[in-house]
């Protein structure tokens, strides 16, 4: 089995690329989905998050209100360029270790069912969380800064200038795109058409299978 980490900066198109890999036969899990499950009532992570950030982050049914949690983490001016994400590390220390454990369990389960499988974990913070060692290969998805802002604005239903400030703030808390590329095995440029992205994904898929999953000696851009 081949364990693949799929990462990239905010709004780069990781999920789109992940879906393309699935269409070719890959198994895929999203770290965000794992984190959401871990913050369900009754889960130890949920208990710790509530203990650290208070019951004010909860809905009436005791589920976590993600908007309220974000406000507790980032401050009330969530989209302000001057907002200080002073509690991001605190939240990550609670959530990341269990997410990484669940990822490993999932990949091992896939591998037992199909020793020839390609198991992909889509996660924005693979490198920042020190999780690169979990994977045999690392794929980074990139796009232009303007595309990133436009995609984020569309997704969040906010104006371009607000999106630009929030994207800049979030990216400032992560490794730069250049650092992600330098740490990767493959780079997929998602700044052009979907067909061009799909062609790159197909090429990486072939590279995964080349010579029994041989690892490239340096980052492979397409």
Protein backbone atom coordinates (compact mmCIF):
# COMPACT_ATOMS: atom_id res chain seq x y z
CA UNK A 1 0.00 0.00 0.00
CA UNK A 2 1.06 3.56 -0.69
CA UNK A 3 0.26 6.25 1.91
CA UNK A 4 -0.13 9.69 0.31
CA UNK A 5 -0.54 13.07 1.95
CA UNK A 6 -2.44 15.65 -0.11
CA UNK A 7 -1.90 19.21 1.07
CA UNK A 8 -1.70 22.82 -0.03
CA UNK A 9 -2.50 26.32 1.12
CA UNK A 10 -6.03 27.57 1.69
CA UNK A 11 -8.40 27.42 -1.32
CA UNK A 12 -5.80 25.79 -3.56
CA UNK A 13 -8.23 23.07 -4.67
CA UNK A 14 -7.16 20.12 -2.54
CA UNK A 15 -10.65 18.64 -2.43
CA UNK A 16 -11.07 18.88 -6.21
CA UNK A 17 -7.75 17.11 -6.74
CA UNK A 18 -8.69 14.52 -4.12
CA UNK A 19 -11.92 13.73 -5.97
CA UNK A 20 -9.92 13.27 -9.17
CA UNK A 21 -7.67 10.74 -7.45
CA UNK A 22 -10.72 8.91 -6.10
CA UNK A 23 -12.11 8.69 -9.64
CA UNK A 24 -8.91 6.87 -10.61
CA UNK A 25 -9.28 4.36 -7.77
CA UNK A 26 -7.67 5.96 -4.73
CA UNK A 27 -9.07 5.72 -1.20
CA UNK A 28 -9.39 9.14 0.43
CA UNK A 29 -10.20 10.63 3.81
CA UNK A 30 -10.31 14.32 4.75
CA UNK A 31 -8.65 15.38 7.98
CA UNK A 32 -11.38 17.99 8.44
CA UNK A 33 -14.02 15.25 8.50
CA UNK A 34 -12.03 13.33 11.11
CA UNK A 35 -11.74 16.49 13.22
CA UNK A 36 -15.48 17.12 12.97
CA UNK A 37 -16.21 13.59 14.17
CA UNK A 38 -13.79 13.99 17.07
CA UNK A 39 -15.67 17.08 18.21
CA UNK A 40 -18.98 15.21 18.49
CA UNK A 41 -20.56 15.11 21.97
CA UNK A 42 -19.14 12.29 24.06
CA UNK A 43 -15.76 12.24 22.33
CA UNK A 44 -12.68 13.01 24.50
CA UNK A 45 -11.58 15.73 22.08
CA UNK A 46 -15.01 17.36 22.36
CA UNK A 47 -14.72 17.36 26.14
CA UNK A 48 -11.28 18.99 26.03
CA UNK A 49 -12.33 21.62 23.48
CA UNK A 50 -15.33 22.60 25.61
CA UNK A 51 -13.16 22.66 28.75
CA UNK A 52 -10.65 24.98 27.10
CA UNK A 53 -13.00 27.26 25.15
CA UNK A 54 -16.15 27.19 27.28
CA UNK A 55 -19.78 26.18 26.92
CA UNK A 56 -20.48 29.37 24.93
CA UNK A 57 -19.21 27.56 21.81
CA UNK A 58 -22.08 25.05 22.01
CA UNK A 59 -25.44 24.94 20.26
CA UNK A 60 -28.61 24.24 22.31
CA UNK A 61 -28.28 20.55 21.38
CA UNK A 62 -24.73 20.55 22.88
CA UNK A 63 -22.99 20.16 19.52
CA UNK A 64 -20.07 22.50 18.75
CA UNK A 65 -21.06 25.64 16.90
CA UNK A 66 -18.12 25.98 14.55
CA UNK A 67 -18.65 29.70 13.99
CA UNK A 68 -18.60 30.31 17.75
CA UNK A 69 -15.53 28.11 18.14
CA UNK A 70 -13.79 30.08 15.39
CA UNK A 71 -14.67 33.30 17.22
CA UNK A 72 -13.24 31.92 20.44
CA UNK A 73 -10.06 30.87 18.63
CA UNK A 74 -9.54 33.85 16.31
CA UNK A 75 -11.40 36.59 18.14
CA UNK A 76 -14.68 38.32 17.25
CA UNK A 77 -13.26 40.08 14.19
CA UNK A 78 -12.64 36.82 12.39
CA UNK A 79 -11.97 38.41 9.03
CA UNK A 80 -9.86 41.28 10.27
CA UNK A 81 -6.26 41.45 9.11
CA UNK A 82 -5.29 42.55 12.64
CA UNK A 83 -6.98 39.62 14.41
CA UNK A 84 -4.52 37.61 16.48
CA UNK A 85 -5.01 33.83 16.28
CA UNK A 86 -3.59 33.54 19.78
CA UNK A 87 -5.48 30.34 20.59
CA UNK A 88 -4.93 28.43 17.35
CA UNK A 89 -2.01 26.50 18.80
CA UNK A 90 -4.10 25.69 21.85
CA UNK A 91 -6.85 24.18 19.68
CA UNK A 92 -4.33 22.33 17.52
CA UNK A 93 -2.67 20.76 20.55
CA UNK A 94 -6.02 19.26 21.52
CA UNK A 95 -7.17 18.12 18.08
CA UNK A 96 -4.10 17.26 16.01
CA UNK A 97 -2.70 14.27 17.93
CA UNK A 98 -5.99 12.37 17.75
CA UNK A 99 -6.53 13.33 14.10
CA UNK A 100 -3.09 11.94 13.27
CA UNK A 101 -3.85 8.74 15.15
CA UNK A 102 -7.17 8.30 13.34
CA UNK A 103 -5.49 8.92 9.99
CA UNK A 104 -2.95 6.19 10.69
CA UNK A 105 -5.65 3.75 11.79
CA UNK A 106 -7.66 4.50 8.64
CA UNK A 107 -4.67 4.00 6.32
CA UNK A 108 -3.72 0.73 8.01
CA UNK A 109 -7.31 -0.51 7.70
CA UNK A 110 -7.30 0.29 3.98
CA UNK A 111 -3.96 -1.49 3.59
CA UNK A 112 -5.18 -4.65 5.29
CA UNK A 113 -8.20 -4.78 2.99
CA UNK A 114 -6.12 -4.11 -0.15
CA UNK A 115 -2.31 -4.33 0.06
CA UNK A 116 -2.05 -2.61 -3.36
CA UNK A 117 -4.26 0.33 -2.38
CA UNK A 118 -3.32 3.98 -2.58
CA UNK A 119 -4.64 5.69 0.57
CA UNK A 120 -4.76 9.49 0.47
CA UNK A 121 -5.23 11.84 3.41
CA UNK A 122 -6.28 15.35 2.45
CA UNK A 123 -5.13 17.85 5.08
CA UNK A 124 -4.08 21.49 5.02
CA UNK A 125 -1.59 21.22 7.89
CA UNK A 126 0.34 18.01 7.21
CA UNK A 127 3.72 19.72 7.42
CA UNK A 128 2.77 22.15 10.18
CA UNK A 129 1.49 19.26 12.31
CA UNK A 130 4.69 17.29 11.81
CA UNK A 131 2.72 14.54 10.06
CA UNK A 132 4.79 14.19 6.87
CA UNK A 133 6.49 11.10 8.31
CA UNK A 134 3.13 9.29 8.20
CA UNK A 135 3.25 9.24 4.40
CA UNK A 136 5.25 7.59 1.65
CA UNK A 137 4.54 10.49 -0.73
CA UNK A 138 3.47 14.09 -0.36
CA UNK A 139 1.46 15.92 -3.04
CA UNK A 140 1.07 19.70 -2.89
CA UNK A 141 -1.67 21.55 -4.79
CA UNK A 142 -0.97 25.14 -5.83
CA UNK A 143 -2.80 28.02 -7.49
CA UNK A 144 -2.31 31.76 -7.96
CA UNK A 145 -2.89 34.20 -5.12
CA UNK A 146 -5.77 35.91 -6.94
CA UNK A 147 -7.49 32.58 -7.61
CA UNK A 148 -7.08 31.67 -3.96
CA UNK A 149 -8.75 34.88 -2.82
CA UNK A 150 -11.58 34.59 -5.36
CA UNK A 151 -12.27 30.97 -4.42
CA UNK A 152 -12.26 31.76 -0.72
CA UNK A 153 -14.60 34.72 -1.22
CA UNK A 154 -17.00 32.54 -3.18
CA UNK A 155 -16.88 29.73 -0.64
CA UNK A 156 -17.38 32.00 2.37
CA UNK A 157 -19.80 34.34 0.56
CA UNK A 158 -17.78 37.42 1.47
CA UNK A 159 -16.38 40.31 -0.57
CA UNK A 160 -12.97 40.15 -2.23
CA UNK A 161 -11.18 42.57 0.10
CA UNK A 162 -12.41 40.81 3.21
CA UNK A 163 -11.36 37.49 1.67
CA UNK A 164 -7.93 38.88 0.80
CA UNK A 165 -7.31 39.91 4.43
CA UNK A 166 -8.49 36.59 5.82
CA UNK A 167 -6.47 34.52 3.33
CA UNK A 168 -3.35 36.56 4.15
CA UNK A 169 -3.93 36.08 7.89
CA UNK A 170 -4.43 32.33 7.59
CA UNK A 171 -1.46 31.83 5.28
CA UNK A 172 0.75 33.83 7.64
CA UNK A 173 0.10 31.17 10.28
CA UNK A 174 1.21 28.36 7.96
CA UNK A 175 4.32 27.40 6.04
CA UNK A 176 4.72 29.30 2.81
CA UNK A 177 3.73 27.68 -0.45
CA UNK A 178 7.42 27.58 -1.42
CA UNK A 179 8.23 25.61 1.76
CA UNK A 180 5.40 23.18 1.06
CA UNK A 181 6.63 22.66 -2.49
CA UNK A 182 10.20 22.09 -1.30
CA UNK A 183 8.98 19.37 1.10
CA UNK A 184 6.77 17.64 -1.48
CA UNK A 185 7.30 14.79 -3.93
CA UNK A 186 4.76 16.03 -6.49
CA UNK A 187 3.30 19.44 -7.28
CA UNK A 188 -0.05 19.84 -9.02
CA UNK A 189 -0.74 23.30 -10.49
CA UNK A 190 -4.47 23.94 -10.11
CA UNK A 191 -4.37 27.44 -11.58
CA UNK A 192 -5.55 26.47 -15.06
CA UNK A 193 -8.50 24.51 -16.40
CA UNK A 194 -9.98 21.48 -14.65
CA UNK A 195 -8.99 19.36 -17.63
CA UNK A 196 -5.36 20.44 -17.21
CA UNK A 197 -5.52 19.66 -13.51
CA UNK A 198 -7.06 16.26 -14.29
CA UNK A 199 -4.21 15.51 -16.71
CA UNK A 200 -1.66 16.29 -13.99
CA UNK A 201 -3.50 14.08 -11.50
CA UNK A 202 -3.50 11.23 -14.03
CA UNK A 203 0.25 11.67 -14.53
CA UNK A 204 0.93 11.59 -10.78
CA UNK A 205 -1.28 8.50 -10.52
CA UNK A 206 0.89 6.80 -13.13
CA UNK A 207 4.00 7.91 -11.25
CA UNK A 208 2.63 6.32 -8.07
CA UNK A 209 2.57 2.98 -9.88
CA UNK A 210 5.85 3.39 -11.73
CA UNK A 211 8.49 0.87 -10.72
CA UNK A 212 6.58 -0.33 -7.64
CA UNK A 213 5.85 3.15 -6.28
CA UNK A 214 9.43 4.43 -6.66
CA UNK A 215 9.91 7.76 -4.91
CA UNK A 216 11.12 10.69 -7.07
CA UNK A 217 14.50 12.11 -6.12
CA UNK A 218 13.20 15.72 -6.12
CA UNK A 219 9.80 17.50 -6.24
CA UNK A 220 8.04 16.53 -9.45
CA UNK A 221 6.14 19.43 -11.07
CA UNK A 222 3.79 18.87 -13.99
